[in-house]
Amino acid sequence: MDLDSAYDFVLREAGFAQVTTIDRGGFPVARTMTAFLEPDWSVSLVQRAGHRRLDQWRRDPHTLVTWVGTPAPGASNDHPHVFDLDLLPPRVVAVRGTAVLMPADWTVAVYRREVTRQRAAGHTKAPLRTDEQVVAELAGVRIVPARVRLEGFGAGAESHLWTVRRETT
């Protein structure tokens, strides 16, 4: 299992993520949004400061961030476990973790890093904000990973699941 191919898939191919929070009634709520997978498998999010998901995270910080995309080159599904749909399984990277609302300086740093990367790639449709506007209008959230699941990066429909271990200091 090549973790680098899964990480590269998120960075270069998958695009938007589905971010799932828990609403006041205890039900999952999924939304499509931009999410940045970090090398340590944490996820950085920068979003509008008034979004309802921030209140959901304050009540229950458990969350799931999922990227789904086309099957891997050379993928196969020769031995389906239950049903044969005559389709190849998609690639999936899913990070289950805990949301932590981040301070303004972190939010500005992630915003600057990502907007610089997007602008360098010619993606200029989103408004360009000053640091003061970022602090006033946006909120940063870091998803601290607990478990990661990868599907479609191994042989056939094989999946890989691991617990992310954090060193304590």
C-alpha atoms as a PDB file:
ATOM      1  CA  MET A   1       0.000   0.000   0.000  1.00  0.00           C
ATOM      2  CA  ASP A   2       1.519   3.275  -1.145  1.00  0.00           C
ATOM      3  CA  LEU A   3       0.416   6.122   1.146  1.00  0.00           C
ATOM      4  CA  ASP A   4       2.069   8.632  -1.158  1.00  0.00           C
ATOM      5  CA  SER A   5      -0.324   7.735  -3.989  1.00  0.00           C
ATOM      6  CA  ALA A   6      -3.340   8.302  -1.704  1.00  0.00           C
ATOM      7  CA  TYR A   7      -1.972  11.648  -0.516  1.00  0.00           C
ATOM      8  CA  ASP A   8      -1.147  12.681  -4.100  1.00  0.00           C
ATOM      9  CA  PHE A   9      -4.658  11.680  -5.203  1.00  0.00           C
ATOM     10  CA  VAL A  10      -6.183  14.130  -2.703  1.00  0.00           C
ATOM     11  CA  LEU A  11      -3.807  16.942  -3.634  1.00  0.00           C
ATOM     12  CA  ARG A  12      -3.923  16.585  -7.416  1.00  0.00           C
ATOM     13  CA  GLU A  13      -7.106  14.761  -8.431  1.00  0.00           C
ATOM     14  CA  ALA A  14      -9.915  14.523  -5.896  1.00  0.00           C
ATOM     15  CA  GLY A  15     -10.799  18.205  -5.643  1.00  0.00           C
ATOM     16  CA  PHE A  16     -13.623  18.972  -3.249  1.00  0.00           C
ATOM     17  CA  ALA A  17     -14.205  16.969  -0.076  1.00  0.00           C
ATOM     18  CA  GLN A  18     -17.397  15.993   1.669  1.00  0.00           C
ATOM     19  CA  VAL A  19     -17.254  17.232   5.258  1.00  0.00           C
ATOM     20  CA  THR A  20     -19.663  15.550   7.661  1.00  0.00           C
ATOM     21  CA  THR A  21     -20.663  17.114  10.982  1.00  0.00           C
ATOM     22  CA  ILE A  22     -23.327  16.148  13.534  1.00  0.00           C
ATOM     23  CA  ASP A  23     -26.403  18.367  13.814  1.00  0.00           C
ATOM     24  CA  ARG A  24     -28.352  19.304  16.958  1.00  0.00           C
ATOM     25  CA  GLY A  25     -30.556  16.214  16.561  1.00  0.00           C
ATOM     26  CA  GLY A  26     -27.565  13.864  16.364  1.00  0.00           C
ATOM     27  CA  PHE A  27     -27.810  13.279  12.624  1.00  0.00           C
ATOM     28  CA  PRO A  28     -24.858  13.478  10.206  1.00  0.00           C
ATOM     29  CA  VAL A  29     -24.859  16.445   7.833  1.00  0.00           C
ATOM     30  CA  ALA A  30     -22.558  16.304   4.795  1.00  0.00           C
ATOM     31  CA  ARG A  31     -21.449  19.318   2.773  1.00  0.00           C
ATOM     32  CA  THR A  32     -19.100  19.634  -0.156  1.00  0.00           C
ATOM     33  CA  MET A  33     -16.257  22.053   0.497  1.00  0.00           C
ATOM     34  CA  THR A  34     -12.582  22.748   0.044  1.00  0.00           C
ATOM     35  CA  ALA A  35     -10.422  20.854   2.534  1.00  0.00           C
ATOM     36  CA  PHE A  36      -6.644  20.605   2.613  1.00  0.00           C
ATOM     37  CA  LEU A  37      -5.030  17.313   3.603  1.00  0.00           C
ATOM     38  CA  GLU A  38      -1.790  17.918   5.490  1.00  0.00           C
ATOM     39  CA  PRO A  39       1.269  15.603   5.461  1.00  0.00           C
ATOM     40  CA  ASP A  40       0.406  14.351   8.983  1.00  0.00           C
ATOM     41  CA  TRP A  41      -3.116  13.377   7.726  1.00  0.00           C
ATOM     42  CA  SER A  42      -4.770  16.244   9.588  1.00  0.00           C
ATOM     43  CA  VAL A  43      -7.137  18.426   7.560  1.00  0.00           C
ATOM     44  CA  SER A  44      -7.094  22.226   7.358  1.00  0.00           C
ATOM     45  CA  LEU A  45     -10.329  24.095   6.626  1.00  0.00           C
ATOM     46  CA  VAL A  46     -10.942  27.803   6.106  1.00  0.00           C
ATOM     47  CA  GLN A  47     -14.563  28.850   5.691  1.00  0.00           C
ATOM     48  CA  ARG A  48     -17.042  31.649   6.205  1.00  0.00           C
ATOM     49  CA  ALA A  49     -17.157  32.587   9.890  1.00  0.00           C
ATOM     50  CA  GLY A  50     -20.960  32.483  10.093  1.00  0.00           C
ATOM     51  CA  HIS A  51     -21.413  28.958   8.766  1.00  0.00           C
ATOM     52  CA  ARG A  52     -23.710  26.635  10.738  1.00  0.00           C
ATOM     53  CA  ARG A  53     -21.123  23.827  10.805  1.00  0.00           C
ATOM     54  CA  LEU A  54     -19.014  25.876  13.254  1.00  0.00           C
ATOM     55  CA  ASP A  55     -21.832  25.688  15.834  1.00  0.00           C
ATOM     56  CA  GLN A  56     -22.176  21.976  15.110  1.00  0.00           C
ATOM     57  CA  TRP A  57     -18.472  21.470  15.826  1.00  0.00           C
ATOM     58  CA  ARG A  58     -18.757  23.461  19.049  1.00  0.00           C
ATOM     59  CA  ARG A  59     -21.507  21.068  20.200  1.00  0.00           C
ATOM     60  CA  ASP A  60     -19.880  17.882  18.855  1.00  0.00           C
ATOM     61  CA  PRO A  61     -16.380  18.058  17.359  1.00  0.00           C
ATOM     62  CA  HIS A  62     -16.502  14.573  15.793  1.00  0.00           C
ATOM     63  CA  THR A  63     -16.285  14.800  12.022  1.00  0.00           C
ATOM     64  CA  LEU A  64     -15.475  12.936   8.829  1.00  0.00           C
ATOM     65  CA  VAL A  65     -13.751  14.384   5.776  1.00  0.00           C
ATOM     66  CA  THR A  66     -13.969  12.284   2.600  1.00  0.00           C
ATOM     67  CA  TRP A  67     -12.494  12.632  -0.872  1.00  0.00           C
ATOM     68  CA  VAL A  68     -13.884  10.353  -3.610  1.00  0.00           C
ATOM     69  CA  GLY A  69     -12.674  10.037  -7.168  1.00  0.00           C
ATOM     70  CA  THR A  70     -12.235   7.902 -10.225  1.00  0.00           C
ATOM     71  CA  PRO A  71     -10.860   4.378  -9.932  1.00  0.00           C
ATOM     72  CA  ALA A  72      -7.092   4.006  -9.888  1.00  0.00           C
ATOM     73  CA  PRO A  73      -5.383   3.240 -13.184  1.00  0.00           C
ATOM     74  CA  GLY A  74      -5.200  -0.526 -13.501  1.00  0.00           C
ATOM     75  CA  ALA A  75      -7.941  -1.071 -10.887  1.00  0.00           C
ATOM     76  CA  SER A  76      -9.877  -4.321 -10.936  1.00  0.00           C
ATOM     77  CA  ASN A  77     -12.945  -5.746  -9.248  1.00  0.00           C
ATOM     78  CA  ASP A  78     -12.761  -9.401 -10.253  1.00  0.00           C
ATOM     79  CA  HIS A  79     -14.186 -10.826  -7.020  1.00  0.00           C
ATOM     80  CA  PRO A  80     -17.041  -8.658  -5.664  1.00  0.00           C
ATOM     81  CA  HIS A  81     -17.990  -9.551  -2.090  1.00  0.00           C
ATOM     82  CA  VAL A  82     -21.786  -9.429  -2.508  1.00  0.00           C
ATOM     83  CA  PHE A  83     -23.026  -7.902  -5.787  1.00  0.00           C
ATOM     84  CA  ASP A  84     -21.483  -7.506  -9.229  1.00  0.00           C
ATOM     85  CA  LEU A  85     -22.218  -4.008 -10.527  1.00  0.00           C
ATOM     86  CA  ASP A  86     -19.683  -4.412 -13.357  1.00  0.00           C
ATOM     87  CA  LEU A  87     -17.983  -1.242 -12.115  1.00  0.00           C
ATOM     88  CA  LEU A  88     -14.572  -0.484 -10.667  1.00  0.00           C
ATOM     89  CA  PRO A  89     -14.466   0.779  -7.067  1.00  0.00           C
ATOM     90  CA  PRO A  90     -13.693   4.488  -6.696  1.00  0.00           C
ATOM     91  CA  ARG A  91     -10.699   5.746  -4.789  1.00  0.00           C
ATOM     92  CA  VAL A  92     -11.638   7.055  -1.329  1.00  0.00           C
ATOM     93  CA  VAL A  93      -9.627   8.828   1.338  1.00  0.00           C
ATOM     94  CA  ALA A  94     -11.596   9.305   4.568  1.00  0.00           C
ATOM     95  CA  VAL A  95     -10.230  11.054   7.655  1.00  0.00           C
ATOM     96  CA  ARG A  96     -12.238  10.635  10.848  1.00  0.00           C
ATOM     97  CA  GLY A  97     -11.244  13.038  13.594  1.00  0.00           C
ATOM     98  CA  THR A  98     -11.936  15.861  15.980  1.00  0.00           C
ATOM     99  CA  ALA A  99     -12.502  19.459  14.905  1.00  0.00           C
ATOM    100  CA  VAL A 100     -10.479  22.155  16.658  1.00  0.00           C
ATOM    101  CA  LEU A 101     -11.341  25.802  16.023  1.00  0.00           C
ATOM    102  CA  MET A 102      -8.078  27.583  15.302  1.00  0.00           C
ATOM    103  CA  PRO A 103      -6.809  31.077  16.154  1.00  0.00           C
ATOM    104  CA  ALA A 104      -6.745  33.937  13.670  1.00  0.00           C
ATOM    105  CA  ASP A 105      -3.003  33.708  12.926  1.00  0.00           C
ATOM    106  CA  TRP A 106      -3.365  30.032  11.925  1.00  0.00           C
ATOM    107  CA  THR A 107      -6.369  30.873   9.728  1.00  0.00           C
ATOM    108  CA  VAL A 108      -4.479  33.672   7.985  1.00  0.00           C
ATOM    109  CA  ALA A 109      -1.434  31.429   7.416  1.00  0.00           C
ATOM    110  CA  VAL A 110      -3.492  28.595   5.882  1.00  0.00           C
ATOM    111  CA  TYR A 111      -5.522  31.040   3.793  1.00  0.00           C
ATOM    112  CA  ARG A 112      -2.339  32.719   2.477  1.00  0.00           C
ATOM    113  CA  ARG A 113      -0.659  29.383   1.703  1.00  0.00           C
ATOM    114  CA  GLU A 114      -3.644  28.006  -0.194  1.00  0.00           C
ATOM    115  CA  VAL A 115      -4.689  31.173  -2.020  1.00  0.00           C
ATOM    116  CA  THR A 116      -1.069  31.601  -3.176  1.00  0.00           C
ATOM    117  CA  ARG A 117      -1.035  28.007  -4.465  1.00  0.00           C
ATOM    118  CA  GLN A 118      -4.376  28.474  -6.249  1.00  0.00           C
ATOM    119  CA  ARG A 119      -3.418  31.789  -7.820  1.00  0.00           C
ATOM    120  CA  ALA A 120      -0.117  30.303  -9.042  1.00  0.00           C
ATOM    121  CA  ALA A 121      -2.150  27.599 -10.801  1.00  0.00           C
ATOM    122  CA  GLY A 122      -4.284  30.286 -12.499  1.00  0.00           C
ATOM    123  CA  HIS A 123      -7.356  29.846 -10.280  1.00  0.00           C
ATOM    124  CA  THR A 124      -8.399  33.469  -9.678  1.00  0.00           C
ATOM    125  CA  LYS A 125     -12.226  33.472  -9.389  1.00  0.00           C
ATOM    126  CA  ALA A 126     -12.412  33.542  -5.580  1.00  0.00           C
ATOM    127  CA  PRO A 127     -12.059  36.976  -3.935  1.00  0.00           C
ATOM    128  CA  LEU A 128      -8.603  37.891  -2.698  1.00  0.00           C
ATOM    129  CA  ARG A 129      -8.803  38.993   0.954  1.00  0.00           C
ATOM    130  CA  THR A 130      -6.474  41.038   3.107  1.00  0.00           C
ATOM    131  CA  ASP A 131      -5.321  39.550   6.406  1.00  0.00           C
ATOM    132  CA  GLU A 132      -7.795  41.825   8.179  1.00  0.00           C
ATOM    133  CA  GLN A 133     -10.641  40.541   5.998  1.00  0.00           C
ATOM    134  CA  VAL A 134      -9.618  36.931   6.655  1.00  0.00           C
ATOM    135  CA  VAL A 135      -9.775  37.564  10.414  1.00  0.00           C
ATOM    136  CA  ALA A 136     -13.143  39.343  10.146  1.00  0.00           C
ATOM    137  CA  GLU A 137     -14.867  37.040   7.623  1.00  0.00           C
ATOM    138  CA  LEU A 138     -13.350  33.570   7.874  1.00  0.00           C
ATOM    139  CA  ALA A 139     -12.771  30.853  10.470  1.00  0.00           C
ATOM    140  CA  GLY A 140     -10.092  28.174  10.546  1.00  0.00           C
ATOM    141  CA  VAL A 141     -10.656  24.607  11.689  1.00  0.00           C
ATOM    142  CA  ARG A 142      -8.171  21.784  11.965  1.00  0.00           C
ATOM    143  CA  ILE A 143      -9.383  18.206  11.932  1.00  0.00           C
ATOM    144  CA  VAL A 144      -7.082  16.184  14.182  1.00  0.00           C
ATOM    145  CA  PRO A 145      -7.135  12.687  12.697  1.00  0.00           C
ATOM    146  CA  ALA A 146      -8.089   9.622  14.718  1.00  0.00           C
ATOM    147  CA  ARG A 147      -8.614   7.065  11.916  1.00  0.00           C
ATOM    148  CA  VAL A 148      -7.857   7.098   8.213  1.00  0.00           C
ATOM    149  CA  ARG A 149      -9.444   4.790   5.636  1.00  0.00           C
ATOM    150  CA  LEU A 150      -8.129   4.329   2.108  1.00  0.00           C
ATOM    151  CA  GLU A 151     -10.035   2.443  -0.574  1.00  0.00           C
ATOM    152  CA  GLY A 152      -9.012   1.770  -4.159  1.00  0.00           C
ATOM    153  CA  PHE A 153      -5.269   2.167  -3.621  1.00  0.00           C
ATOM    154  CA  GLY A 154      -4.455  -1.523  -3.241  1.00  0.00           C
ATOM    155  CA  ALA A 155      -5.324  -4.739  -5.022  1.00  0.00           C
ATOM    156  CA  GLY A 156      -8.948  -5.053  -6.170  1.00  0.00           C
ATOM    157  CA  ALA A 157     -11.418  -3.611  -3.675  1.00  0.00           C
ATOM    158  CA  GLU A 158      -8.969  -3.916  -0.770  1.00  0.00           C
ATOM    159  CA  SER A 159      -9.177  -1.186   1.866  1.00  0.00           C
ATOM    160  CA  HIS A 160      -6.690   0.035   4.456  1.00  0.00           C
ATOM    161  CA  LEU A 161      -7.607   1.462   7.852  1.00  0.00           C
ATOM    162  CA  TRP A 162      -5.303   2.735  10.562  1.00  0.00           C
ATOM    163  CA  THR A 163      -5.420   4.648  13.793  1.00  0.00           C
ATOM    164  CA  VAL A 164      -3.328   7.814  13.758  1.00  0.00           C
ATOM    165  CA  ARG A 165      -1.081   7.784  16.793  1.00  0.00           C
ATOM    166  CA  ARG A 166      -0.146  11.119  18.360  1.00  0.00           C
ATOM    167  CA  GLU A 167       2.987  11.509  20.403  1.00  0.00           C
ATOM    168  CA  THR A 168       2.389  13.058  23.798  1.00  0.00           C
ATOM    169  CA  THR A 169       4.830  15.566  25.243  1.00  0.00           C
END
